[in-house]
Amino acid sequence: MVWSLAKILLFVAAVALLAFGVNLLMETSGGVRIAVANREFTLSPLVALLGLAALMIAFWLALKVLGFLIATFRFLNGDETAVSRYFDRNRERRGFEALADGLMALASGEAKVAMAKASKAEKYLKRPELTNLITAQAAEIAGDTRKAQDTYKQLLTDERTRFVGVRGIMKQRLAEGDTDTALKLAEKAFALKPKHEETQDVLLQLQAQKEDWGGARKTLQAKLKHGSLPRDVHRRRDAVLALSEARDVLAEGQSIEAREAAIEANRLSPDLVPAAVMAARAYIENEKPKYATRVIKKAWDITPHPDLAAAFAAIEPDEAPDDRITRFKTLTRSHENDPETQMLLAELHIAAEDFPAARRSMGSLTETHPTARSLTLMAAIERGEGADDAVVQGWLTRALTASRGQQWVCDKCHHIHPGWTPTCENCKSFDTLSWTEAPQSEISMPAGVEMLPLIVGALEDKSKDVSIEDPDEVDPPSTEEVEAIATAESDVVVLEPEQRTKPAEKAAAES
């Protein structure tokens, strides 16, 4: 505001001074005399004023011509001038147009066009940190891994693009299966950008594959610190890593450290069944059965599992079958309608040779949710009650094609594991195993096997008239198949070998 007022005042003062000077000149008598080479010129005031104005215009034109000549000389000399800036703006405009076309071609999957546009953009812009990104990604799409790698190496030389170069080479090494080099590059990328979530995930997965549990726990802590992992998920995965550490320590023969690590893993995630089992066994070895019972009971209340039952049985390995049934009420009172609880009670009653109670414990499980284990238990019950061989064989035949029930299954690739592991054996994913039922049976049987129960024996009412023309034409399951399924599925996990009767195996052998 003040500066605007000052400019207005200066303009008014300049106009006033100019008017005063013109008026003074017009009132001057005699005009202006100019003497040149012994000659005199007398100019009127008005002519003198016009001559002065023409002289000033000529002087201004001379300065402009001189400035143009100097600019031309500087342009030819390579200095920055208005002319050079004009050409630079034109070149920059063409470069950014080529860069935009390259990005569009890259998004469209036209790798060769994208590389050509990136090369053109580099020619105009001289900005390799921009054009090399397009070139590297286009080369990967085109399958030119050598060019992509060379381009990523060029990005390593610039501090601004070093992370992109390291990440690009890391992904190439992962695609090639070179996990050792990929792990080192992931550590370098993590050091450059510890907040980058993808780098954190890759580093954590590689550390888990290499069984670097200590490093993986540090990476997991960094994910929590930078907000890329919820706190409850962090506790669960930290427990998985702690449990894996405990297993390694136990394999090295350091039992005390293994017990401490297992207890720590169970504290972090009480619902992690392998951690609860390992912690319970650690308490058992340390002669603390109450602590072991508490750990198993807490985990069972969340998820009933046969490994928990086996660990609970190990607390009192020498007890009688009837005493074991009484002690196991600590577990069986919880989740009474859960299939695992029903089968556990049936196994306990079979071991005590109380077959009617075992049948009552099974309820309608074989009809509502038949599995190989439940059907094999029914075969054992039938054998214990003195049923015909045909009935027992009928149950065992149904078990051959039934679902295997809950198993350790990878949530990502659905690969079935015989036991819990921190990483999937198939897709190498970390902490993706769940105790659930697989989508389909892991044993593929030949077509027509669904007729075997009708051929080898009836399962329900033996008085029903089932007419089969030539039953001898179809062979019943072999003794080896029956023994395999019986041994695999009816093994009473809660009993020690010297204490249980294994009636299911007797039924398989006699059949």
Protein backbone atom coordinates (compact mmCIF):
# COMPACT_ATOMS: atom_id res chain seq x y z
CA MET A 1 0.00 0.00 0.00
CA VAL A 2 2.77 2.48 0.96
CA TRP A 3 4.86 1.49 -2.08
CA SER A 4 1.89 2.12 -4.42
CA LEU A 5 1.34 5.56 -2.89
CA ALA A 6 5.06 6.34 -3.28
CA LYS A 7 4.99 5.39 -6.97
CA ILE A 8 1.97 7.63 -7.59
CA LEU A 9 3.68 10.58 -5.89
CA LEU A 10 6.87 10.05 -7.91
CA PHE A 11 4.90 9.96 -11.16
CA VAL A 12 3.09 13.22 -10.31
CA ALA A 13 6.38 14.89 -9.37
CA ALA A 14 8.03 13.76 -12.65
CA VAL A 15 5.12 15.14 -14.72
CA ALA A 16 5.26 18.43 -12.82
CA LEU A 17 9.01 18.79 -13.35
CA LEU A 18 8.70 18.00 -17.05
CA ALA A 19 5.92 20.59 -17.49
CA PHE A 20 7.96 23.16 -15.59
CA GLY A 21 11.02 22.52 -17.79
CA VAL A 22 9.05 22.76 -21.05
CA ASN A 23 7.44 25.99 -19.89
CA LEU A 24 10.80 27.44 -18.94
CA LEU A 25 12.28 26.47 -22.30
CA MET A 26 9.37 28.06 -24.23
CA GLU A 27 9.80 31.35 -22.38
CA THR A 28 13.50 31.49 -23.11
CA SER A 29 14.25 34.17 -25.79
CA GLY A 30 16.79 33.65 -28.52
CA GLY A 31 16.52 29.87 -28.60
CA VAL A 32 19.53 27.52 -28.52
CA ARG A 33 22.81 28.27 -30.35
CA ILE A 34 25.02 25.38 -31.48
CA ALA A 35 28.53 26.10 -32.90
CA VAL A 36 30.10 23.37 -35.08
CA ALA A 37 33.24 23.92 -37.26
CA ASN A 38 33.03 27.72 -37.21
CA ARG A 39 29.34 27.49 -38.02
CA GLU A 40 26.51 28.44 -35.75
CA PHE A 41 23.01 27.05 -35.62
CA THR A 42 20.21 28.73 -33.79
CA LEU A 43 17.35 26.44 -32.81
CA SER A 44 14.07 27.44 -31.43
CA PRO A 45 13.18 25.91 -28.07
CA LEU A 46 10.70 23.48 -29.61
CA VAL A 47 13.15 22.25 -32.27
CA ALA A 48 15.84 21.85 -29.64
CA LEU A 49 13.51 19.76 -27.53
CA LEU A 50 12.62 17.51 -30.47
CA GLY A 51 16.28 17.12 -31.37
CA LEU A 52 17.13 16.08 -27.84
CA ALA A 53 14.36 13.46 -27.92
CA ALA A 54 15.63 12.07 -31.23
CA LEU A 55 19.14 11.89 -29.83
CA MET A 56 17.96 9.90 -26.83
CA ILE A 57 16.03 7.46 -29.05
CA ALA A 58 19.09 6.92 -31.22
CA PHE A 59 21.22 6.28 -28.15
CA TRP A 60 18.67 3.72 -26.89
CA LEU A 61 18.63 1.92 -30.24
CA ALA A 62 22.41 1.80 -30.25
CA LEU A 63 22.41 0.16 -26.82
CA LYS A 64 19.89 -2.46 -27.99
CA VAL A 65 21.93 -3.29 -31.08
CA LEU A 66 25.05 -3.60 -28.94
CA GLY A 67 23.23 -5.87 -26.49
CA PHE A 68 22.00 -8.11 -29.33
CA LEU A 69 25.52 -8.41 -30.68
CA ILE A 70 26.85 -9.32 -27.24
CA ALA A 71 24.05 -11.93 -26.73
CA THR A 72 24.80 -13.47 -30.11
CA PHE A 73 28.47 -13.76 -29.22
CA ARG A 74 27.62 -15.38 -25.84
CA PHE A 75 25.20 -17.81 -27.52
CA LEU A 76 27.88 -18.85 -29.98
CA ASN A 77 30.29 -19.16 -27.07
CA GLY A 78 27.90 -21.55 -25.23
CA ASP A 79 26.84 -19.20 -22.46
CA GLU A 80 23.25 -19.05 -21.20
CA THR A 81 21.25 -16.38 -22.92
CA ALA A 82 17.64 -15.64 -23.74
CA VAL A 83 18.15 -17.43 -27.05
CA SER A 84 19.59 -20.50 -25.34
CA ARG A 85 16.79 -20.46 -22.78
CA TYR A 86 14.27 -20.46 -25.61
CA PHE A 87 15.82 -23.55 -27.15
CA ASP A 88 16.14 -25.15 -23.71
CA ARG A 89 12.44 -24.68 -23.01
CA ASN A 90 11.59 -26.17 -26.37
CA ARG A 91 13.86 -29.17 -25.74
CA GLU A 92 12.45 -29.64 -22.24
CA ARG A 93 8.90 -29.58 -23.59
CA ARG A 94 9.74 -32.29 -26.11
CA GLY A 95 11.50 -34.33 -23.43
CA PHE A 96 8.56 -34.30 -21.04
CA GLU A 97 6.21 -35.18 -23.88
CA ALA A 98 8.39 -38.23 -24.64
CA LEU A 99 8.51 -39.07 -20.92
CA ALA A 100 4.71 -38.94 -20.67
CA ASP A 101 4.37 -41.14 -23.75
CA GLY A 102 6.82 -43.61 -22.21
CA LEU A 103 4.79 -43.81 -19.00
CA MET A 104 1.61 -44.41 -20.99
CA ALA A 105 3.29 -47.14 -23.04
CA LEU A 106 4.63 -48.74 -19.85
CA ALA A 107 1.17 -48.75 -18.28
CA SER A 108 -0.22 -50.29 -21.48
CA GLY A 109 2.39 -53.06 -21.47
CA GLU A 110 4.14 -51.85 -24.65
CA ALA A 111 7.66 -52.45 -23.44
CA LYS A 112 9.56 -51.65 -26.64
CA VAL A 113 7.66 -48.41 -27.18
CA ALA A 114 8.30 -47.42 -23.56
CA MET A 115 12.06 -48.01 -23.92
CA ALA A 116 12.17 -46.00 -27.15
CA LYS A 117 10.31 -43.09 -25.57
CA ALA A 118 12.53 -43.24 -22.49
CA SER A 119 15.62 -43.07 -24.72
CA LYS A 120 14.16 -40.04 -26.53
CA ALA A 121 13.30 -38.36 -23.24
CA GLU A 122 16.85 -38.92 -21.98
CA LYS A 123 18.20 -37.30 -25.16
CA TYR A 124 16.22 -34.12 -24.47
CA LEU A 125 16.11 -33.98 -20.67
CA LYS A 126 19.42 -35.50 -19.53
CA ARG A 127 17.60 -36.80 -16.42
CA PRO A 128 18.65 -40.45 -15.98
CA GLU A 129 16.98 -40.70 -12.56
CA LEU A 130 13.65 -40.39 -14.41
CA THR A 131 14.24 -42.14 -17.69
CA ASN A 132 16.15 -45.11 -16.25
CA LEU A 133 13.15 -46.07 -14.12
CA ILE A 134 11.00 -46.44 -17.23
CA THR A 135 13.76 -48.25 -19.08
CA ALA A 136 14.33 -50.77 -16.28
CA GLN A 137 10.66 -51.60 -15.81
CA ALA A 138 10.06 -51.80 -19.56
CA ALA A 139 13.03 -54.16 -19.90
CA GLU A 140 11.57 -56.41 -17.18
CA ILE A 141 8.24 -56.53 -18.99
CA ALA A 142 10.00 -57.36 -22.25
CA GLY A 143 11.99 -60.12 -20.52
CA ASP A 144 15.35 -58.43 -21.07
CA THR A 145 16.74 -59.09 -17.60
CA ARG A 146 20.28 -58.12 -18.58
CA LYS A 147 19.26 -54.63 -19.67
CA ALA A 148 17.06 -54.24 -16.61
CA GLN A 149 19.95 -55.22 -14.34
CA ASP A 150 22.36 -52.83 -16.06
CA THR A 151 19.85 -50.02 -15.71
CA TYR A 152 19.29 -50.75 -12.02
CA LYS A 153 23.07 -50.67 -11.50
CA GLN A 154 23.12 -47.18 -13.03
CA LEU A 155 20.48 -46.14 -10.49
CA LEU A 156 22.81 -47.25 -7.68
CA THR A 157 25.23 -44.42 -8.51
CA ASP A 158 22.70 -41.71 -7.59
CA GLU A 159 21.81 -41.21 -3.94
CA ARG A 160 18.23 -40.31 -4.88
CA THR A 161 17.64 -43.54 -6.80
CA ARG A 162 19.86 -45.97 -4.88
CA PHE A 163 16.94 -47.58 -3.04
CA VAL A 164 15.09 -48.18 -6.32
CA GLY A 165 18.17 -49.83 -7.80
CA VAL A 166 18.72 -52.09 -4.79
CA ARG A 167 15.05 -53.07 -4.72
CA GLY A 168 15.00 -53.82 -8.44
CA ILE A 169 18.05 -56.09 -8.27
CA MET A 170 16.64 -57.76 -5.13
CA LYS A 171 13.42 -58.66 -6.95
CA GLN A 172 15.45 -60.07 -9.85
CA ARG A 173 17.44 -62.28 -7.48
CA LEU A 174 14.22 -63.48 -5.87
CA ALA A 175 12.81 -64.39 -9.27
CA GLU A 176 16.01 -66.33 -10.03
CA GLY A 177 15.83 -68.18 -6.70
CA ASP A 178 19.06 -66.66 -5.36
CA THR A 179 17.74 -66.10 -1.86
CA ASP A 180 21.18 -65.61 -0.28
CA THR A 181 21.94 -62.54 -2.41
CA ALA A 182 18.34 -61.38 -2.14
CA LEU A 183 18.60 -61.45 1.65
CA LYS A 184 21.69 -59.20 1.61
CA LEU A 185 20.01 -56.80 -0.80
CA ALA A 186 16.85 -56.77 1.32
CA GLU A 187 18.94 -55.85 4.37
CA LYS A 188 20.56 -53.02 2.36
CA ALA A 189 17.18 -51.78 1.13
CA PHE A 190 15.81 -51.94 4.67
CA ALA A 191 18.75 -49.85 5.90
CA LEU A 192 18.03 -47.22 3.22
CA LYS A 193 14.26 -47.12 3.83
CA PRO A 194 13.23 -48.84 7.07
CA LYS A 195 9.63 -47.62 6.69
CA HIS A 196 9.08 -49.30 3.30
CA GLU A 197 6.45 -51.97 3.98
CA GLU A 198 7.20 -54.23 1.01
CA THR A 199 10.89 -54.33 1.91
CA GLN A 200 9.99 -55.20 5.50
CA ASP A 201 7.81 -58.09 4.35
CA VAL A 202 10.43 -59.46 1.94
CA LEU A 203 13.18 -59.23 4.55
CA LEU A 204 11.02 -60.92 7.19
CA GLN A 205 10.10 -63.76 4.84
CA LEU A 206 13.72 -64.33 3.76
CA GLN A 207 14.95 -64.28 7.37
CA ALA A 208 12.30 -66.83 8.29
CA GLN A 209 13.33 -69.06 5.37
CA LYS A 210 16.97 -68.85 6.47
CA GLU A 211 15.88 -69.50 10.10
CA ASP A 212 17.40 -66.22 11.25
CA TRP A 213 14.85 -65.90 14.03
CA GLY A 214 16.70 -63.16 15.92
CA GLY A 215 16.94 -60.96 12.83
CA ALA A 216 13.31 -61.68 11.97
CA ARG A 217 12.21 -60.53 15.43
CA LYS A 218 14.08 -57.23 14.93
CA THR A 219 12.40 -56.74 11.56
CA LEU A 220 9.03 -57.53 13.12
CA GLN A 221 9.69 -54.94 15.82
CA ALA A 222 10.50 -52.37 13.12
CA LYS A 223 7.18 -53.12 11.38
CA LEU A 224 5.37 -52.45 14.65
CA LYS A 225 7.38 -49.28 15.29
CA HIS A 226 6.60 -47.79 11.87
CA GLY A 227 2.90 -48.67 12.08
CA SER A 228 2.78 -51.26 9.30
CA LEU A 229 1.65 -54.10 11.60
CA PRO A 230 -1.19 -54.22 14.18
CA ARG A 231 -0.09 -54.90 17.72
CA ASP A 232 -2.08 -58.14 18.09
CA VAL A 233 -0.61 -59.54 14.85
CA HIS A 234 2.85 -58.53 16.07
CA ARG A 235 2.39 -60.48 19.30
CA ARG A 236 1.23 -63.56 17.41
CA ARG A 237 4.13 -63.52 14.94
CA ASP A 238 6.64 -62.67 17.63
CA ALA A 239 5.41 -65.76 19.47
CA VAL A 240 5.91 -67.85 16.32
CA LEU A 241 9.50 -66.58 16.03
CA ALA A 242 10.14 -67.17 19.73
CA LEU A 243 8.84 -70.72 19.38
CA SER A 244 11.11 -71.30 16.38
CA GLU A 245 14.05 -70.01 18.42
CA ALA A 246 13.13 -72.42 21.20
CA ARG A 247 13.12 -75.35 18.78
CA ASP A 248 16.59 -74.47 17.52
CA VAL A 249 17.91 -74.08 21.04
CA LEU A 250 16.40 -77.43 21.99
CA ALA A 251 18.01 -79.07 18.95
CA GLU A 252 21.36 -77.76 20.16
CA GLY A 253 20.84 -79.51 23.50
CA GLN A 254 20.35 -76.37 25.61
CA SER A 255 17.22 -77.53 27.40
CA ILE A 256 17.05 -74.75 29.99
CA GLU A 257 17.19 -71.98 27.37
CA ALA A 258 14.67 -73.89 25.26
CA ARG A 259 12.23 -74.09 28.16
CA GLU A 260 12.53 -70.36 28.79
CA ALA A 261 12.01 -69.56 25.11
CA ALA A 262 9.00 -71.87 24.88
CA ILE A 263 7.40 -70.31 27.96
CA GLU A 264 8.03 -66.85 26.48
CA ALA A 265 6.39 -67.89 23.20
CA ASN A 266 3.34 -69.20 25.07
CA ARG A 267 3.11 -65.97 27.06
CA LEU A 268 3.10 -63.90 23.86
CA SER A 269 0.39 -66.01 22.19
CA PRO A 270 -1.51 -68.47 24.44
CA ASP A 271 -3.61 -69.67 21.47
CA LEU A 272 -0.55 -70.90 19.55
CA VAL A 273 -0.91 -74.65 20.02
CA PRO A 274 2.74 -75.68 19.34
CA ALA A 275 3.96 -73.05 21.81
CA ALA A 276 1.49 -74.26 24.46
CA VAL A 277 2.56 -77.88 23.94
CA MET A 278 6.25 -77.03 24.16
CA ALA A 279 5.75 -74.84 27.23
CA ALA A 280 3.70 -77.56 28.92
CA ARG A 281 6.37 -80.18 28.29
CA ALA A 282 8.97 -77.73 29.61
CA TYR A 283 6.97 -77.39 32.84
CA ILE A 284 6.60 -81.19 33.02
CA GLU A 285 10.36 -81.64 32.72
CA ASN A 286 10.77 -79.02 35.42
CA GLU A 287 8.31 -80.95 37.64
CA LYS A 288 5.65 -78.25 37.60
CA PRO A 289 2.47 -80.14 36.59
CA LYS A 290 0.13 -77.40 37.78
CA TYR A 291 1.72 -74.88 35.45
CA ALA A 292 1.56 -77.39 32.59
CA THR A 293 -2.14 -78.04 33.27
CA ARG A 294 -2.86 -74.32 33.31
CA VAL A 295 -1.09 -73.75 29.97
CA ILE A 296 -2.87 -76.66 28.26
CA LYS A 297 -6.27 -75.74 29.69
CA LYS A 298 -5.95 -72.14 28.46
CA ALA A 299 -5.00 -73.25 24.95
CA TRP A 300 -7.71 -75.95 24.87
CA ASP A 301 -10.37 -73.39 25.78
CA ILE A 302 -9.39 -71.51 22.61
CA THR A 303 -8.76 -74.42 20.23
CA PRO A 304 -9.13 -78.12 21.10
CA HIS A 305 -6.22 -79.99 19.57
CA PRO A 306 -4.93 -83.59 19.80
CA ASP A 307 -1.38 -82.39 20.56
CA LEU A 308 -2.72 -80.62 23.64
CA ALA A 309 -4.39 -83.86 24.74
CA ALA A 310 -1.14 -85.78 24.26
CA ALA A 311 0.76 -83.22 26.34
CA PHE A 312 -1.94 -83.39 29.03
CA ALA A 313 -1.60 -87.16 29.12
CA ALA A 314 2.16 -86.82 29.59
CA ILE A 315 1.61 -85.04 32.91
CA GLU A 316 0.57 -88.39 34.51
CA PRO A 317 2.00 -91.08 32.22
CA ASP A 318 1.39 -94.03 34.60
CA GLU A 319 -2.25 -93.48 35.59
CA ALA A 320 -5.00 -96.07 35.03
CA PRO A 321 -7.52 -95.58 32.17
CA ASP A 322 -10.40 -94.79 34.56
CA ASP A 323 -8.29 -92.25 36.45
CA ARG A 324 -7.29 -90.69 33.16
CA ILE A 325 -10.93 -90.23 32.17
CA THR A 326 -11.57 -88.44 35.46
CA ARG A 327 -8.52 -86.18 35.13
CA PHE A 328 -9.32 -85.33 31.51
CA LYS A 329 -12.63 -83.78 32.59
CA THR A 330 -10.56 -80.65 33.09
CA LEU A 331 -10.41 -80.45 29.29
CA THR A 332 -13.55 -82.26 28.17
CA ARG A 333 -15.88 -79.96 30.16
CA SER A 334 -14.93 -77.27 27.66
CA HIS A 335 -16.24 -77.45 24.07
CA GLU A 336 -18.33 -80.56 24.77
CA ASN A 337 -19.85 -80.55 21.28
CA ASP A 338 -16.56 -80.02 19.49
CA PRO A 339 -15.57 -83.04 17.32
CA GLU A 340 -12.11 -83.11 18.89
CA THR A 341 -13.59 -83.36 22.38
CA GLN A 342 -16.01 -86.10 21.29
CA MET A 343 -13.25 -88.18 19.68
CA LEU A 344 -10.98 -87.63 22.68
CA LEU A 345 -13.64 -88.99 25.03
CA ALA A 346 -14.24 -91.93 22.71
CA GLU A 347 -10.52 -92.78 22.71
CA LEU A 348 -10.39 -92.60 26.50
CA HIS A 349 -13.39 -94.92 26.86
CA ILE A 350 -11.99 -97.33 24.25
CA ALA A 351 -8.75 -97.48 26.25
CA ALA A 352 -10.87 -98.31 29.32
CA GLU A 353 -12.79 -100.91 27.21
CA ASP A 354 -16.06 -99.12 27.91
CA PHE A 355 -17.38 -99.37 24.34
CA PRO A 356 -20.99 -98.28 24.98
CA ALA A 357 -19.70 -95.08 26.61
CA ALA A 358 -17.36 -94.59 23.66
CA ARG A 359 -20.32 -94.90 21.27
CA ARG A 360 -22.29 -92.35 23.31
CA SER A 361 -19.35 -89.97 23.24
CA MET A 362 -19.21 -90.14 19.43
CA GLY A 363 -22.89 -89.24 19.16
CA SER A 364 -23.87 -88.54 15.53
CA LEU A 365 -20.40 -87.39 14.56
CA THR A 366 -19.98 -90.10 11.92
CA GLU A 367 -23.09 -88.86 10.15
CA THR A 368 -22.85 -85.10 10.57
CA HIS A 369 -19.08 -84.79 10.05
CA PRO A 370 -17.46 -88.09 9.10
CA THR A 371 -13.66 -88.16 9.02
CA ALA A 372 -11.13 -90.94 8.71
CA ARG A 373 -10.38 -90.72 12.41
CA SER A 374 -14.01 -90.79 13.60
CA LEU A 375 -14.91 -93.66 11.25
CA THR A 376 -11.90 -95.66 12.38
CA LEU A 377 -12.90 -95.11 16.00
CA MET A 378 -16.35 -96.49 15.16
CA ALA A 379 -14.68 -99.56 13.65
CA ALA A 380 -12.82 -100.02 16.94
CA ILE A 381 -16.05 -99.65 18.90
CA GLU A 382 -17.81 -102.18 16.70
CA ARG A 383 -14.94 -104.63 17.12
CA GLY A 384 -14.93 -104.10 20.87
CA GLU A 385 -18.66 -104.84 21.03
CA GLY A 386 -18.20 -108.04 19.03
CA ALA A 387 -19.70 -106.97 15.69
CA ASP A 388 -19.18 -109.03 12.54
CA ASP A 389 -16.09 -108.54 10.42
CA ALA A 390 -18.24 -107.18 7.58
CA VAL A 391 -19.44 -104.32 9.77
CA VAL A 392 -15.94 -103.46 10.93
CA GLN A 393 -14.63 -103.60 7.37
CA GLY A 394 -17.48 -101.37 6.25
CA TRP A 395 -16.44 -98.62 8.67
CA LEU A 396 -12.80 -98.94 7.69
CA THR A 397 -13.69 -98.77 4.00
CA ARG A 398 -15.62 -95.57 4.55
CA ALA A 399 -12.57 -94.20 6.36
CA LEU A 400 -10.46 -94.75 3.24
CA THR A 401 -12.38 -92.10 1.30
CA ALA A 402 -13.44 -89.78 4.11
CA SER A 403 -11.92 -86.41 4.89
CA ARG A 404 -8.77 -86.46 6.98
CA GLY A 405 -10.31 -83.84 9.28
CA GLN A 406 -8.41 -80.91 10.63
CA GLN A 407 -4.75 -80.64 9.68
CA TRP A 408 -2.08 -77.98 9.46
CA VAL A 409 -3.00 -76.29 6.16
CA CYS A 410 -1.38 -73.24 4.56
CA ASP A 411 -3.93 -70.44 4.19
CA LYS A 412 -2.15 -69.19 1.07
CA CYS A 413 -1.50 -72.28 -1.06
CA HIS A 414 -3.57 -74.91 0.88
CA HIS A 415 -0.56 -77.21 1.20
CA ILE A 416 -1.04 -79.85 3.92
CA HIS A 417 1.75 -80.28 6.48
CA PRO A 418 2.28 -83.30 8.75
CA GLY A 419 3.19 -80.94 11.59
CA TRP A 420 3.32 -77.24 12.40
CA THR A 421 6.14 -75.19 10.90
CA PRO A 422 6.71 -71.40 11.00
CA THR A 423 6.94 -71.22 7.20
CA CYS A 424 5.00 -73.11 4.55
CA GLU A 425 7.04 -75.90 2.97
CA ASN A 426 5.45 -75.22 -0.41
CA CYS A 427 5.10 -71.45 -0.91
CA LYS A 428 7.57 -70.39 1.83
CA SER A 429 5.05 -67.97 3.34
CA PHE A 430 5.57 -67.03 6.99
CA ASP A 431 2.94 -67.77 9.66
CA THR A 432 0.24 -69.00 7.26
CA LEU A 433 -0.49 -72.43 8.79
CA SER A 434 -3.90 -72.93 10.38
CA TRP A 435 -5.45 -75.93 12.10
CA THR A 436 -8.34 -76.47 9.73
CA GLU A 437 -9.86 -79.00 7.38
CA ALA A 438 -8.28 -79.24 3.94
CA PRO A 439 -10.51 -78.43 0.94
CA GLN A 440 -10.22 -82.02 -0.28
CA SER A 441 -8.82 -85.36 0.81
CA GLU A 442 -5.08 -85.72 0.40
CA ILE A 443 -5.58 -89.36 -0.73
CA SER A 444 -6.99 -89.88 -4.21
CA MET A 445 -8.92 -93.11 -4.59
CA PRO A 446 -10.00 -94.76 -7.85
CA ALA A 447 -13.47 -94.26 -9.24
CA GLY A 448 -16.19 -96.54 -7.90
CA VAL A 449 -14.71 -96.79 -4.40
CA GLU A 450 -17.94 -95.38 -2.95
CA MET A 451 -19.50 -98.85 -3.57
CA LEU A 452 -17.05 -100.61 -1.26
CA PRO A 453 -19.06 -100.14 1.96
CA LEU A 454 -22.01 -101.93 0.35
CA ILE A 455 -19.78 -104.78 -0.77
CA VAL A 456 -17.79 -105.47 2.37
CA GLY A 457 -20.57 -105.00 4.90
CA ALA A 458 -23.54 -103.01 6.12
CA LEU A 459 -23.06 -100.22 8.66
CA GLU A 460 -26.61 -99.66 9.88
CA ASP A 461 -29.40 -102.24 10.16
CA LYS A 462 -28.09 -105.72 9.35
CA SER A 463 -31.64 -106.98 8.76
CA LYS A 464 -32.05 -104.83 5.64
CA ASP A 465 -32.09 -106.85 2.44
CA VAL A 466 -29.23 -105.59 0.30
CA SER A 467 -29.02 -107.58 -2.91
CA ILE A 468 -25.78 -107.59 -4.86
CA GLU A 469 -25.53 -109.90 -7.85
CA ASP A 470 -21.83 -110.81 -7.89
CA PRO A 471 -20.05 -109.43 -4.85
CA ASP A 472 -17.01 -111.57 -5.59
CA GLU A 473 -16.26 -109.55 -8.71
CA VAL A 474 -15.17 -106.53 -6.60
CA ASP A 475 -12.36 -107.05 -4.11
CA PRO A 476 -12.70 -105.55 -0.64
CA PRO A 477 -9.87 -103.37 0.71
CA SER A 478 -6.66 -105.22 1.31
CA THR A 479 -5.40 -105.93 4.79
CA GLU A 480 -2.51 -103.51 4.22
CA GLU A 481 -4.89 -100.66 3.34
CA VAL A 482 -7.06 -101.37 6.36
CA GLU A 483 -4.06 -101.52 8.68
CA ALA A 484 -2.65 -98.29 7.26
CA ILE A 485 -5.80 -96.28 7.80
CA ALA A 486 -6.43 -97.82 11.20
CA THR A 487 -2.93 -97.17 12.43
CA ALA A 488 -2.84 -93.61 11.06
CA GLU A 489 -6.20 -92.42 12.30
CA SER A 490 -7.16 -94.41 15.41
CA ASP A 491 -3.93 -94.11 17.34
CA VAL A 492 -4.97 -93.04 20.82
CA VAL A 493 -2.68 -90.06 21.23
CA VAL A 494 -3.48 -89.52 24.89
CA LEU A 495 -2.04 -92.83 26.03
CA GLU A 496 1.44 -94.16 26.28
CA PRO A 497 2.19 -97.22 24.08
CA GLU A 498 2.39 -99.60 27.00
CA GLN A 499 -0.93 -98.43 28.48
CA ARG A 500 -3.38 -98.43 25.57
CA THR A 501 -5.10 -101.41 23.98
CA LYS A 502 -5.45 -99.98 20.46
CA PRO A 503 -8.67 -101.88 19.70
CA ALA A 504 -8.85 -100.20 16.29
CA GLU A 505 -5.59 -101.86 15.28
CA LYS A 506 -6.93 -105.19 16.57
CA ALA A 507 -10.00 -104.70 14.43
CA ALA A 508 -7.89 -103.97 11.38
CA ALA A 509 -5.68 -107.03 11.94
CA GLU A 510 -8.58 -109.38 12.54
CA SER A 511 -10.46 -108.07 9.54
